[in-house]
N, C-alpha and C. Protein backbone atom coordinates (compact mmCIF):
# COMPACT_ATOMS: atom_id res chain seq x y z
N MET A 1 -1.46 -39.43 50.72
CA MET A 1 -2.80 -40.09 50.21
C MET A 1 -3.10 -41.40 51.26
N THR A 2 -4.41 -41.34 51.73
CA THR A 2 -4.64 -42.44 52.60
C THR A 2 -4.73 -43.76 52.15
N LEU A 3 -4.74 -44.89 53.11
CA LEU A 3 -5.01 -46.13 52.44
C LEU A 3 -6.11 -46.33 51.51
N SER A 4 -7.20 -45.75 52.11
CA SER A 4 -8.53 -45.78 51.68
C SER A 4 -8.48 -45.07 50.30
N GLY A 5 -7.85 -43.82 50.08
CA GLY A 5 -7.72 -43.09 49.03
C GLY A 5 -6.97 -43.88 48.09
N LEU A 6 -5.88 -44.58 48.48
CA LEU A 6 -4.85 -45.20 47.42
C LEU A 6 -5.67 -46.49 46.89
N GLY A 7 -6.47 -47.03 47.64
CA GLY A 7 -7.22 -48.24 47.29
C GLY A 7 -8.34 -47.86 46.28
N GLY A 8 -8.93 -46.65 46.45
CA GLY A 8 -9.71 -46.09 45.47
C GLY A 8 -9.25 -45.84 44.27
N TYR A 9 -8.07 -45.19 44.31
CA TYR A 9 -7.26 -44.95 42.98
C TYR A 9 -7.13 -45.85 42.22
N TYR A 10 -6.52 -46.97 42.91
CA TYR A 10 -6.22 -48.37 42.04
C TYR A 10 -7.57 -49.00 41.47
N MET A 11 -8.65 -48.96 42.15
CA MET A 11 -9.90 -49.38 41.72
C MET A 11 -10.12 -48.58 40.41
N TYR A 12 -10.08 -47.37 40.54
CA TYR A 12 -10.51 -46.28 39.43
C TYR A 12 -9.50 -46.69 38.33
N ARG A 13 -8.27 -46.80 38.40
CA ARG A 13 -7.19 -46.95 37.52
C ARG A 13 -7.69 -48.36 36.93
N LYS A 14 -8.02 -49.69 37.42
CA LYS A 14 -8.24 -50.91 36.92
C LYS A 14 -9.55 -50.67 36.03
N PHE A 15 -10.50 -50.21 36.87
CA PHE A 15 -11.86 -49.88 36.12
C PHE A 15 -11.54 -49.12 34.62
N SER A 16 -10.92 -48.06 34.63
CA SER A 16 -10.57 -47.25 33.44
C SER A 16 -9.99 -48.10 32.43
N ILE A 17 -8.64 -48.91 33.04
CA ILE A 17 -7.92 -49.65 31.81
C ILE A 17 -8.98 -50.78 31.05
N GLU A 18 -9.75 -51.38 32.01
CA GLU A 18 -10.63 -52.30 31.43
C GLU A 18 -11.75 -51.88 30.45
N ALA A 19 -12.21 -50.54 30.84
CA ALA A 19 -13.09 -49.89 29.83
C ALA A 19 -12.58 -49.56 28.69
N VAL A 20 -11.11 -48.95 28.59
CA VAL A 20 -10.78 -48.62 27.26
C VAL A 20 -10.39 -49.87 26.65
N LYS A 21 -9.96 -50.99 27.15
CA LYS A 21 -9.78 -52.23 26.39
C LYS A 21 -11.31 -52.69 25.66
N GLU A 22 -12.28 -52.56 26.37
CA GLU A 22 -13.51 -52.99 25.87
C GLU A 22 -13.88 -52.08 24.94
N GLN A 23 -13.76 -50.81 25.03
CA GLN A 23 -14.05 -49.78 23.87
C GLN A 23 -13.26 -50.19 22.66
N LYS A 24 -11.94 -50.46 22.76
CA LYS A 24 -11.19 -50.79 21.53
C LYS A 24 -11.63 -51.91 20.89
N ARG A 25 -12.02 -52.95 21.75
CA ARG A 25 -12.52 -54.33 20.92
C ARG A 25 -13.72 -54.00 20.25
N LYS A 26 -14.56 -53.11 21.08
CA LYS A 26 -15.89 -52.79 20.20
C LYS A 26 -15.75 -52.09 18.87
N GLU A 27 -14.73 -51.10 18.84
CA GLU A 27 -14.60 -50.36 17.64
C GLU A 27 -13.86 -51.27 16.65
N LYS A 28 -12.90 -52.31 17.05
CA LYS A 28 -12.53 -53.12 15.89
C LYS A 28 -13.55 -53.95 15.47
N GLU A 29 -14.47 -54.65 16.25
CA GLU A 29 -15.62 -55.31 15.48
C GLU A 29 -16.55 -54.43 14.57
N LEU A 30 -16.73 -53.19 15.08
CA LEU A 30 -17.56 -52.33 14.25
C LEU A 30 -16.72 -52.21 12.73
N MET A 31 -15.59 -51.82 12.84
CA MET A 31 -14.66 -51.58 11.60
C MET A 31 -14.53 -52.72 10.65
N LYS A 32 -14.81 -53.97 11.21
CA LYS A 32 -14.78 -55.30 10.34
C LYS A 32 -16.00 -55.61 9.61
N ARG A 33 -17.21 -54.75 9.74
CA ARG A 33 -18.36 -54.94 9.38
C ARG A 33 -18.13 -55.02 7.73
N THR A 34 -19.17 -55.68 7.01
CA THR A 34 -19.20 -55.80 5.67
C THR A 34 -19.10 -54.54 4.78
N VAL A 35 -18.42 -54.63 3.73
CA VAL A 35 -18.45 -53.44 2.90
C VAL A 35 -19.33 -53.35 1.89
N ASP A 36 -20.13 -54.21 1.94
CA ASP A 36 -21.38 -54.53 0.94
C ASP A 36 -22.58 -53.45 1.44
N ASP A 37 -22.66 -52.42 0.74
CA ASP A 37 -23.62 -51.30 1.39
C ASP A 37 -25.08 -51.89 1.54
N ARG A 38 -25.46 -52.84 0.73
CA ARG A 38 -26.99 -53.32 0.76
C ARG A 38 -27.06 -53.86 2.21
N ASN A 39 -26.01 -54.64 2.88
CA ASN A 39 -26.13 -55.28 3.86
C ASN A 39 -25.63 -54.49 5.19
N LYS A 40 -25.65 -53.31 5.00
CA LYS A 40 -25.29 -52.48 6.42
C LYS A 40 -26.51 -52.40 7.33
N PRO A 41 -26.20 -52.22 8.37
CA PRO A 41 -27.07 -51.90 9.51
C PRO A 41 -28.00 -50.80 9.17
N ARG A 42 -29.24 -50.86 9.86
CA ARG A 42 -30.16 -49.67 9.47
C ARG A 42 -30.77 -49.01 10.71
N VAL A 43 -30.79 -47.74 10.64
CA VAL A 43 -31.42 -46.90 11.79
C VAL A 43 -32.77 -47.15 11.69
N ARG A 44 -33.58 -47.83 12.76
CA ARG A 44 -34.90 -47.96 12.61
C ARG A 44 -35.54 -46.99 13.60
N TYR A 45 -36.77 -47.37 13.99
CA TYR A 45 -37.61 -46.52 14.96
C TYR A 45 -36.75 -46.20 16.23
N PHE A 46 -36.80 -44.78 16.59
CA PHE A 46 -36.25 -44.47 17.96
C PHE A 46 -36.95 -43.17 18.14
N GLN A 47 -37.11 -42.92 19.40
CA GLN A 47 -37.29 -41.58 20.05
C GLN A 47 -36.16 -40.81 20.75
N ALA A 48 -36.15 -39.79 20.94
CA ALA A 48 -35.10 -38.93 21.67
C ALA A 48 -35.71 -37.44 21.77
N ILE A 49 -34.93 -36.88 22.54
CA ILE A 49 -35.25 -35.36 22.99
C ILE A 49 -34.37 -34.25 22.15
N ASP A 50 -34.65 -33.46 21.51
CA ASP A 50 -33.99 -32.43 20.91
C ASP A 50 -33.48 -31.39 21.76
N THR A 51 -32.90 -30.28 21.32
CA THR A 51 -32.43 -29.17 22.29
C THR A 51 -33.30 -28.18 22.73
N GLU A 52 -34.52 -28.18 21.79
CA GLU A 52 -35.77 -27.61 22.43
C GLU A 52 -36.55 -28.18 23.37
N GLY A 53 -36.16 -29.58 23.84
CA GLY A 53 -37.02 -30.24 24.83
C GLY A 53 -38.05 -30.99 23.73
N LYS A 54 -38.19 -31.25 22.47
CA LYS A 54 -39.20 -31.87 21.78
C LYS A 54 -38.86 -33.23 21.51
N THR A 55 -39.83 -34.01 21.49
CA THR A 55 -39.63 -35.48 21.02
C THR A 55 -39.45 -35.59 19.57
N VAL A 56 -38.32 -36.24 19.15
CA VAL A 56 -38.13 -36.58 17.77
C VAL A 56 -38.08 -37.84 17.58
N THR A 57 -38.18 -38.49 16.53
CA THR A 57 -38.14 -39.79 16.06
C THR A 57 -37.31 -40.06 14.67
N ASP A 58 -37.04 -41.28 14.37
CA ASP A 58 -36.29 -41.45 13.15
C ASP A 58 -36.91 -40.75 11.93
N TRP A 59 -38.15 -40.65 11.96
CA TRP A 59 -38.86 -39.99 11.03
C TRP A 59 -38.56 -38.24 10.72
N ASN A 60 -37.92 -37.89 11.69
CA ASN A 60 -37.56 -36.46 11.59
C ASN A 60 -36.12 -36.45 10.74
N PHE A 61 -35.49 -37.61 10.33
CA PHE A 61 -34.26 -37.50 9.77
C PHE A 61 -34.28 -38.33 8.52
N LYS A 62 -35.56 -38.61 7.96
CA LYS A 62 -35.76 -39.55 6.76
C LYS A 62 -35.34 -38.83 5.61
N ASN A 63 -34.61 -39.40 4.65
CA ASN A 63 -34.39 -38.57 3.38
C ASN A 63 -33.30 -37.51 3.70
N LYS A 64 -32.51 -37.81 4.73
CA LYS A 64 -31.26 -36.95 4.82
C LYS A 64 -29.94 -37.57 5.05
N TRP A 65 -29.10 -37.05 4.49
CA TRP A 65 -27.74 -37.78 4.94
C TRP A 65 -27.26 -37.17 6.28
N LEU A 66 -26.70 -38.02 7.08
CA LEU A 66 -26.29 -37.68 8.41
C LEU A 66 -25.00 -38.13 8.75
N LEU A 67 -24.35 -37.30 9.52
CA LEU A 67 -23.03 -37.50 10.17
C LEU A 67 -23.27 -37.58 11.66
N VAL A 68 -23.17 -38.68 12.30
CA VAL A 68 -23.70 -38.99 13.69
C VAL A 68 -22.52 -39.27 14.58
N TYR A 69 -22.60 -38.54 15.64
CA TYR A 69 -21.37 -38.79 16.82
C TYR A 69 -22.16 -38.79 17.98
N PHE A 70 -21.52 -39.66 18.83
CA PHE A 70 -21.97 -39.99 20.19
C PHE A 70 -20.90 -39.39 21.29
N GLY A 71 -21.27 -38.49 22.29
CA GLY A 71 -20.46 -38.03 23.25
C GLY A 71 -21.00 -37.28 24.24
N PHE A 72 -20.47 -36.41 25.03
CA PHE A 72 -21.04 -35.83 26.26
C PHE A 72 -20.42 -34.50 26.45
N THR A 73 -21.16 -33.45 26.85
CA THR A 73 -20.77 -32.19 27.04
C THR A 73 -19.81 -32.10 28.05
N ASN A 74 -19.48 -32.95 28.88
CA ASN A 74 -18.30 -32.71 30.09
C ASN A 74 -16.98 -33.51 29.52
N CYS A 75 -17.02 -33.91 28.22
CA CYS A 75 -15.65 -34.42 27.78
C CYS A 75 -14.48 -33.44 27.77
N PRO A 76 -13.48 -33.50 28.17
CA PRO A 76 -12.50 -32.61 28.40
C PRO A 76 -11.68 -32.12 26.79
N ASP A 77 -11.64 -33.45 26.11
CA ASP A 77 -10.73 -33.09 24.82
C ASP A 77 -11.16 -33.70 23.83
N ILE A 78 -11.50 -35.16 23.84
CA ILE A 78 -11.71 -36.10 22.39
C ILE A 78 -12.81 -35.54 21.92
N CYS A 79 -13.91 -35.18 22.59
CA CYS A 79 -15.36 -34.81 21.76
C CYS A 79 -15.10 -33.44 21.20
N PRO A 80 -14.54 -32.53 21.60
CA PRO A 80 -14.61 -31.31 21.06
C PRO A 80 -13.46 -31.29 19.84
N GLU A 81 -12.53 -32.10 19.87
CA GLU A 81 -11.72 -32.36 18.58
C GLU A 81 -12.42 -33.10 17.63
N VAL A 82 -13.13 -34.03 18.07
CA VAL A 82 -13.93 -34.79 16.91
C VAL A 82 -15.05 -33.88 16.28
N LEU A 83 -15.71 -33.12 17.23
CA LEU A 83 -16.85 -32.16 16.73
C LEU A 83 -16.11 -30.88 15.77
N GLU A 84 -15.02 -30.71 16.02
CA GLU A 84 -14.49 -29.61 15.28
C GLU A 84 -14.03 -30.24 13.89
N ASN A 85 -13.60 -31.50 13.83
CA ASN A 85 -13.21 -31.95 12.62
C ASN A 85 -14.35 -32.45 11.71
N LEU A 86 -15.61 -32.78 12.71
CA LEU A 86 -16.73 -33.05 11.86
C LEU A 86 -17.44 -31.82 11.17
N SER A 87 -17.36 -30.78 11.90
CA SER A 87 -17.67 -29.58 11.23
C SER A 87 -17.05 -29.11 10.19
N THR A 88 -15.66 -29.13 10.08
CA THR A 88 -14.99 -29.18 8.93
C THR A 88 -15.31 -29.88 7.69
N THR A 89 -15.47 -31.18 8.13
CA THR A 89 -16.03 -32.11 7.02
C THR A 89 -17.39 -31.84 6.52
N ILE A 90 -18.30 -31.35 7.29
CA ILE A 90 -19.59 -30.87 6.70
C ILE A 90 -19.48 -29.69 5.62
N ASP A 91 -18.45 -28.70 6.02
CA ASP A 91 -18.40 -27.77 4.95
C ASP A 91 -17.74 -28.16 3.78
N LYS A 92 -16.63 -29.11 3.87
CA LYS A 92 -15.96 -29.47 2.83
C LYS A 92 -16.93 -30.38 1.88
N CYS A 93 -17.72 -31.10 2.36
CA CYS A 93 -18.54 -31.73 1.62
C CYS A 93 -19.83 -31.21 0.97
N LYS A 94 -19.82 -29.84 1.25
CA LYS A 94 -21.07 -29.18 0.96
C LYS A 94 -21.43 -29.20 -0.54
N PRO A 95 -20.32 -28.91 -1.51
CA PRO A 95 -20.56 -28.99 -3.03
C PRO A 95 -21.06 -30.49 -3.47
N VAL A 96 -20.82 -31.37 -2.62
CA VAL A 96 -21.22 -32.57 -3.11
C VAL A 96 -22.47 -33.21 -2.40
N VAL A 97 -22.59 -32.83 -1.26
CA VAL A 97 -23.74 -33.42 -0.32
C VAL A 97 -24.04 -32.53 0.98
N GLU A 98 -25.44 -32.18 1.25
CA GLU A 98 -25.88 -31.65 2.47
C GLU A 98 -25.96 -32.41 3.43
N LEU A 99 -24.90 -32.39 4.35
CA LEU A 99 -24.99 -33.57 5.49
C LEU A 99 -25.35 -32.78 6.60
N LEU A 100 -26.01 -33.45 7.42
CA LEU A 100 -26.86 -32.94 8.72
C LEU A 100 -25.99 -33.60 9.82
N PRO A 101 -25.23 -32.70 10.71
CA PRO A 101 -24.35 -33.24 11.79
C PRO A 101 -25.34 -33.52 12.83
N VAL A 102 -25.52 -34.66 13.79
CA VAL A 102 -26.22 -34.99 14.68
C VAL A 102 -25.21 -35.42 15.91
N PHE A 103 -25.35 -34.74 17.06
CA PHE A 103 -24.73 -35.23 18.35
C PHE A 103 -25.80 -35.76 19.25
N ILE A 104 -25.53 -36.95 19.68
CA ILE A 104 -26.10 -37.70 20.61
C ILE A 104 -25.28 -38.07 21.92
N SER A 105 -26.20 -37.65 22.94
CA SER A 105 -25.56 -37.81 24.26
C SER A 105 -25.26 -39.09 24.89
N VAL A 106 -24.22 -39.38 25.41
CA VAL A 106 -24.00 -40.72 26.19
C VAL A 106 -24.27 -40.44 27.71
N ASP A 107 -24.48 -39.33 27.95
CA ASP A 107 -24.68 -38.98 29.39
C ASP A 107 -26.05 -38.37 29.66
N ALA A 108 -26.92 -39.34 29.89
CA ALA A 108 -28.58 -38.88 29.94
C ALA A 108 -28.67 -37.96 31.43
N HIS A 109 -27.79 -38.56 32.49
CA HIS A 109 -27.97 -37.93 33.65
C HIS A 109 -27.68 -36.38 33.58
N ARG A 110 -26.65 -35.94 33.02
CA ARG A 110 -26.23 -34.57 33.04
C ARG A 110 -26.39 -33.82 31.89
N ASP A 111 -26.57 -34.43 30.80
CA ASP A 111 -26.78 -33.57 29.31
C ASP A 111 -28.08 -33.09 29.28
N THR A 112 -28.68 -32.21 29.66
CA THR A 112 -29.91 -31.77 29.49
C THR A 112 -30.13 -31.01 28.04
N PRO A 113 -31.15 -30.95 27.47
CA PRO A 113 -31.15 -30.20 26.27
C PRO A 113 -30.75 -28.80 26.20
N GLU A 114 -30.85 -28.13 27.25
CA GLU A 114 -30.54 -26.84 27.27
C GLU A 114 -28.83 -26.56 27.28
N LYS A 115 -28.22 -27.58 28.20
CA LYS A 115 -26.82 -27.74 28.20
C LYS A 115 -26.10 -28.28 26.79
N ILE A 116 -26.94 -29.21 26.11
CA ILE A 116 -26.47 -29.70 24.82
C ILE A 116 -26.47 -28.46 23.92
N LYS A 117 -27.57 -27.81 23.89
CA LYS A 117 -27.82 -26.59 22.90
C LYS A 117 -26.46 -25.58 23.09
N LYS A 118 -26.37 -25.32 24.42
CA LYS A 118 -25.24 -24.30 24.60
C LYS A 118 -23.72 -24.71 24.23
N TYR A 119 -23.61 -26.02 24.30
CA TYR A 119 -22.44 -26.68 24.13
C TYR A 119 -22.15 -26.68 22.52
N LEU A 120 -23.11 -27.15 21.70
CA LEU A 120 -23.11 -27.08 20.31
C LEU A 120 -22.75 -25.77 19.52
N GLU A 121 -23.19 -24.52 20.39
CA GLU A 121 -22.99 -23.37 20.00
C GLU A 121 -21.45 -23.04 19.27
N ASP A 122 -20.33 -23.92 19.89
CA ASP A 122 -19.08 -23.68 19.54
C ASP A 122 -18.70 -24.45 18.24
N PHE A 123 -19.62 -25.23 17.58
CA PHE A 123 -19.45 -25.96 16.77
C PHE A 123 -20.14 -25.52 15.18
N HIS A 124 -20.44 -26.51 14.45
CA HIS A 124 -21.20 -26.12 13.28
C HIS A 124 -22.53 -25.68 13.73
N PRO A 125 -23.04 -24.76 12.91
CA PRO A 125 -24.30 -24.04 13.22
C PRO A 125 -25.53 -25.04 12.88
N ASN A 126 -25.31 -26.12 12.28
CA ASN A 126 -26.43 -26.92 11.77
C ASN A 126 -26.53 -28.06 12.63
N PHE A 127 -25.83 -28.17 13.67
CA PHE A 127 -25.77 -29.12 14.50
C PHE A 127 -27.25 -29.67 15.14
N VAL A 128 -27.60 -30.75 15.15
CA VAL A 128 -28.74 -31.26 16.00
C VAL A 128 -28.20 -31.96 17.04
N GLY A 129 -28.62 -31.60 18.28
CA GLY A 129 -28.17 -32.33 19.53
C GLY A 129 -29.50 -33.25 20.06
N LEU A 130 -29.07 -34.41 20.43
CA LEU A 130 -30.13 -35.19 21.14
C LEU A 130 -29.66 -35.83 22.43
N THR A 131 -30.78 -36.04 23.24
CA THR A 131 -30.68 -36.48 24.54
C THR A 131 -31.75 -37.59 24.82
N GLY A 132 -32.07 -37.96 25.77
CA GLY A 132 -33.14 -38.59 26.36
C GLY A 132 -33.22 -39.35 27.52
N SER A 133 -34.04 -40.36 27.66
CA SER A 133 -34.07 -41.22 29.01
C SER A 133 -32.99 -42.28 28.77
N SER A 134 -32.59 -43.12 29.76
CA SER A 134 -31.55 -44.00 29.55
C SER A 134 -32.09 -45.17 28.57
N ASP A 135 -33.34 -45.42 28.84
CA ASP A 135 -33.79 -46.42 27.74
C ASP A 135 -33.68 -46.02 26.53
N GLN A 136 -34.14 -44.85 26.05
CA GLN A 136 -34.20 -44.23 24.77
C GLN A 136 -32.76 -44.17 24.22
N LEU A 137 -31.83 -43.78 25.01
CA LEU A 137 -30.32 -43.69 24.59
C LEU A 137 -29.93 -45.19 24.32
N SER A 138 -30.20 -46.05 25.21
CA SER A 138 -29.56 -47.46 24.93
C SER A 138 -30.07 -47.95 23.71
N LYS A 139 -31.26 -47.70 23.20
CA LYS A 139 -31.84 -48.35 21.88
C LYS A 139 -30.99 -47.81 20.87
N LEU A 140 -30.68 -46.50 20.99
CA LEU A 140 -29.65 -45.83 19.89
C LEU A 140 -28.18 -46.49 20.07
N PHE A 141 -27.89 -46.72 21.25
CA PHE A 141 -26.48 -47.46 21.32
C PHE A 141 -26.39 -48.58 20.51
N GLY A 142 -27.52 -49.46 20.82
CA GLY A 142 -27.78 -50.81 20.25
C GLY A 142 -27.88 -50.82 18.89
N THR A 143 -28.44 -49.72 18.12
CA THR A 143 -28.49 -49.73 16.70
C THR A 143 -27.15 -49.26 16.06
N PHE A 144 -26.38 -48.38 16.77
CA PHE A 144 -25.14 -48.19 16.08
C PHE A 144 -23.91 -48.86 16.68
N GLY A 145 -24.27 -49.74 17.60
CA GLY A 145 -23.13 -50.48 18.26
C GLY A 145 -22.24 -49.80 19.12
N VAL A 146 -22.79 -48.83 19.88
CA VAL A 146 -21.98 -47.99 20.46
C VAL A 146 -21.83 -48.45 22.06
N TYR A 147 -20.55 -48.47 22.43
CA TYR A 147 -20.31 -48.65 24.05
C TYR A 147 -20.00 -47.31 24.87
N ALA A 148 -20.75 -47.49 25.94
CA ALA A 148 -20.59 -46.29 26.67
C ALA A 148 -20.65 -46.71 28.09
N ARG A 149 -19.77 -46.35 28.96
CA ARG A 149 -19.67 -46.67 30.68
C ARG A 149 -19.13 -45.47 31.23
N ALA A 150 -19.70 -45.23 32.36
CA ALA A 150 -19.03 -44.02 33.27
C ALA A 150 -18.18 -44.67 34.05
N ASN A 151 -17.10 -43.78 34.48
CA ASN A 151 -16.16 -44.24 35.44
C ASN A 151 -16.69 -43.88 36.94
N PRO A 152 -16.09 -44.46 37.87
CA PRO A 152 -16.37 -43.78 39.09
C PRO A 152 -16.15 -42.41 39.38
N ALA A 153 -17.03 -41.79 40.05
CA ALA A 153 -17.07 -40.34 40.39
C ALA A 153 -16.03 -39.88 41.34
N ASP A 154 -15.53 -38.65 41.14
CA ASP A 154 -14.34 -38.30 41.94
C ASP A 154 -15.04 -37.64 43.23
N ASP A 155 -14.35 -37.06 44.09
CA ASP A 155 -14.93 -36.42 45.43
C ASP A 155 -15.74 -35.27 44.98
N ASP A 156 -15.83 -34.63 43.88
CA ASP A 156 -16.58 -33.53 43.59
C ASP A 156 -17.94 -33.88 42.85
N GLY A 157 -17.96 -35.39 42.48
CA GLY A 157 -19.27 -35.98 41.92
C GLY A 157 -19.04 -35.93 40.37
N ASP A 158 -17.92 -35.53 40.15
CA ASP A 158 -17.71 -35.32 38.67
C ASP A 158 -17.05 -36.79 38.01
N TYR A 159 -17.60 -37.23 36.82
CA TYR A 159 -17.09 -38.55 36.20
C TYR A 159 -16.72 -38.33 34.67
N ILE A 160 -15.91 -39.27 34.17
CA ILE A 160 -15.61 -39.17 32.81
C ILE A 160 -16.42 -40.55 32.20
N ILE A 161 -16.84 -40.50 31.07
CA ILE A 161 -17.45 -41.63 30.51
C ILE A 161 -16.62 -42.20 29.12
N ASP A 162 -16.30 -43.38 29.48
CA ASP A 162 -15.44 -44.08 28.37
C ASP A 162 -16.59 -44.49 27.28
N HIS A 163 -16.52 -44.09 25.90
CA HIS A 163 -17.42 -44.41 24.97
C HIS A 163 -16.85 -44.65 23.63
N THR A 164 -17.55 -45.25 22.56
CA THR A 164 -16.94 -45.34 21.41
C THR A 164 -16.82 -43.85 20.58
N VAL A 165 -15.72 -43.90 20.13
CA VAL A 165 -15.42 -42.54 19.45
C VAL A 165 -15.04 -42.96 17.82
N ILE A 166 -16.23 -42.74 17.38
CA ILE A 166 -16.49 -43.02 15.79
C ILE A 166 -17.68 -42.18 15.29
N THR A 167 -17.38 -41.55 14.20
CA THR A 167 -18.50 -40.82 13.60
C THR A 167 -19.11 -41.60 12.41
N TYR A 168 -20.53 -41.75 12.59
CA TYR A 168 -21.25 -42.63 11.45
C TYR A 168 -21.95 -41.86 10.49
N LEU A 169 -21.64 -42.31 9.09
CA LEU A 169 -22.39 -41.84 8.10
C LEU A 169 -23.70 -42.70 7.74
N VAL A 170 -24.72 -41.89 7.85
CA VAL A 170 -26.15 -42.48 7.79
C VAL A 170 -26.62 -41.96 6.40
N ALA A 171 -27.16 -42.94 5.41
CA ALA A 171 -27.80 -42.68 4.31
C ALA A 171 -29.21 -42.26 4.47
N PRO A 172 -29.76 -41.55 3.36
CA PRO A 172 -31.17 -41.13 3.33
C PRO A 172 -32.34 -42.28 3.74
N ASP A 173 -32.08 -43.70 3.58
CA ASP A 173 -32.57 -44.76 3.73
C ASP A 173 -32.42 -45.33 5.12
N GLY A 174 -31.59 -44.81 5.80
CA GLY A 174 -31.32 -45.21 7.31
C GLY A 174 -30.12 -46.07 7.34
N ARG A 175 -29.38 -46.56 6.25
CA ARG A 175 -28.34 -47.49 6.50
C ARG A 175 -27.24 -46.63 7.09
N ILE A 176 -26.55 -47.36 7.77
CA ILE A 176 -25.19 -46.77 8.45
C ILE A 176 -24.09 -47.28 7.26
N LEU A 177 -23.70 -46.47 6.50
CA LEU A 177 -22.90 -46.65 5.22
C LEU A 177 -21.38 -46.62 5.61
N ASP A 178 -20.93 -46.10 6.54
CA ASP A 178 -19.59 -45.91 6.95
C ASP A 178 -19.10 -45.53 8.40
N MET A 179 -18.12 -45.60 8.88
CA MET A 179 -17.74 -45.16 10.17
C MET A 179 -16.21 -44.70 9.97
N PHE A 180 -16.01 -43.50 10.74
CA PHE A 180 -14.61 -42.85 10.65
C PHE A 180 -14.03 -42.92 12.09
N THR A 181 -13.04 -42.97 12.25
CA THR A 181 -12.26 -42.89 13.75
C THR A 181 -11.74 -41.64 13.51
N ARG A 182 -11.44 -40.96 14.77
CA ARG A 182 -10.78 -39.81 15.11
C ARG A 182 -9.37 -39.48 14.34
N TYR A 183 -8.86 -40.54 14.06
CA TYR A 183 -7.42 -40.76 13.44
C TYR A 183 -7.28 -40.57 12.09
N GLN A 184 -8.60 -40.73 11.43
CA GLN A 184 -8.51 -40.92 9.93
C GLN A 184 -8.31 -39.43 9.27
N GLU A 185 -7.47 -39.17 8.38
CA GLU A 185 -7.24 -38.05 7.73
C GLU A 185 -8.75 -37.57 7.00
N LEU A 186 -8.94 -35.97 7.13
CA LEU A 186 -10.16 -35.52 6.81
C LEU A 186 -10.29 -35.66 5.06
N ASP A 187 -9.14 -35.62 4.46
CA ASP A 187 -9.36 -35.75 2.83
C ASP A 187 -9.79 -37.16 2.55
N LYS A 188 -9.43 -38.13 3.41
CA LYS A 188 -9.76 -39.54 2.95
C LYS A 188 -11.42 -39.82 3.52
N VAL A 189 -11.72 -39.11 4.81
CA VAL A 189 -13.07 -39.10 5.01
C VAL A 189 -13.92 -38.62 4.00
N TYR A 190 -13.57 -37.30 3.25
CA TYR A 190 -14.20 -36.64 2.42
C TYR A 190 -14.39 -37.49 1.11
N GLU A 191 -13.32 -38.27 0.78
CA GLU A 191 -13.35 -39.01 -0.36
C GLU A 191 -14.47 -40.28 -0.15
N SER A 192 -14.30 -40.80 1.01
CA SER A 192 -15.22 -41.67 1.33
C SER A 192 -16.74 -41.45 1.18
N ILE A 193 -16.90 -40.24 1.68
CA ILE A 193 -18.23 -39.79 1.68
C ILE A 193 -18.86 -39.38 0.33
N ALA A 194 -17.90 -38.80 -0.41
CA ALA A 194 -18.20 -38.49 -1.86
C ALA A 194 -18.60 -39.70 -2.66
N LYS A 195 -17.90 -40.83 -2.42
CA LYS A 195 -18.04 -42.08 -3.23
C LYS A 195 -19.27 -42.81 -2.81
N HIS A 196 -19.74 -42.69 -1.54
CA HIS A 196 -20.96 -43.26 -1.09
C HIS A 196 -22.12 -42.61 -1.63
N VAL A 197 -21.95 -41.11 -1.70
CA VAL A 197 -22.96 -40.38 -2.06
C VAL A 197 -23.10 -40.57 -3.64
N LYS A 198 -22.18 -40.77 -4.39
CA LYS A 198 -22.11 -41.08 -5.80
C LYS A 198 -22.88 -42.49 -6.14
N ASN A 199 -22.56 -43.43 -5.27
CA ASN A 199 -22.82 -44.72 -5.75
C ASN A 199 -24.24 -45.16 -4.96
N PHE A 200 -24.89 -44.29 -4.23
CA PHE A 200 -26.05 -44.44 -3.43
C PHE A 200 -27.28 -44.82 -4.22
N LYS A 201 -27.83 -46.06 -3.87
CA LYS A 201 -29.21 -46.42 -4.39
C LYS A 201 -30.12 -46.68 -3.47
N LYS A 202 -31.17 -46.01 -3.19
CA LYS A 202 -32.09 -46.14 -2.03
C LYS A 202 -32.74 -47.48 -2.08
N ILE A 203 -32.86 -48.11 -0.80
CA ILE A 203 -33.45 -49.25 -0.67
C ILE A 203 -34.89 -49.14 -0.22
N GLU A 204 -35.84 -49.42 -0.86
CA GLU A 204 -37.18 -49.15 -0.36
C GLU A 204 -37.63 -50.22 0.45
N ASP A 205 -38.62 -49.87 1.53
CA ASP A 205 -39.29 -50.67 2.48
C ASP A 205 -40.58 -50.88 2.19
N ASP A 206 -41.12 -51.90 2.36
CA ASP A 206 -42.65 -52.33 2.21
C ASP A 206 -43.12 -51.69 3.52
N MET A 207 -42.64 -51.64 4.69
CA MET A 207 -43.12 -51.16 5.94
C MET A 207 -42.96 -49.63 6.27
N PRO A 208 -43.86 -49.12 6.81
CA PRO A 208 -43.61 -47.54 7.31
C PRO A 208 -42.13 -47.50 7.99
N TYR A 209 -41.68 -46.38 7.64
CA TYR A 209 -40.25 -46.04 8.07
C TYR A 209 -40.32 -46.15 9.70
N THR A 210 -41.23 -45.76 10.32
CA THR A 210 -41.21 -45.74 11.80
C THR A 210 -41.75 -47.15 12.43
N ALA A 211 -42.19 -48.17 11.61
CA ALA A 211 -42.84 -49.19 12.20
C ALA A 211 -41.92 -50.26 12.89
N ALA A 212 -40.62 -50.14 12.62
CA ALA A 212 -39.86 -51.36 13.16
C ALA A 212 -39.52 -51.04 14.76
N PHE A 213 -39.73 -52.09 15.54
CA PHE A 213 -39.67 -52.34 16.92
C PHE A 213 -40.76 -51.39 17.76
N ARG A 214 -41.75 -51.15 16.98
CA ARG A 214 -42.80 -50.61 17.71
C ARG A 214 -43.57 -51.79 18.70
């Protein structure tokens, strides 16, 4: 390895370690949020692009229970693992609630609607895939408290994205009721979802659903 190559490796290594530390810090902050469902953050107005290339907004998901995960199609192992578990959870919860699985890309540059559509064919058939411009995705990141940062590209132009690895349970009124890490047992995830569904009481808004932040 040349000196320049060695220097580049150590810069990449340092960047990656710092990114992982920042991701873990963000995840800890998310998991400390209040357990009071009425004070949970809410998904408000957003725009994104679905796998058919059509623009969708939060209105398309109103009155639906969602399981939302942020990832990218070039992810080598973690994202496929989480999406497999999410698919299993969807089917396990079916007697209790109809959950809509939503995959939101953190890689606006590479994840085209066509690529996401092909990628999701390996998982639950009801998956909704979303991408969009960097600005559109940034607003969604802010709503969910998601962290995402690309590592330096290698010689082939390929790169990995460090990002929050959490699945979010979103209620029909847009509240983010719970968050699940990749390490939680699926039975515990199921129990938590069933409990939220049983105790759910919709909070009505005076304003139209898509009015916020316009």
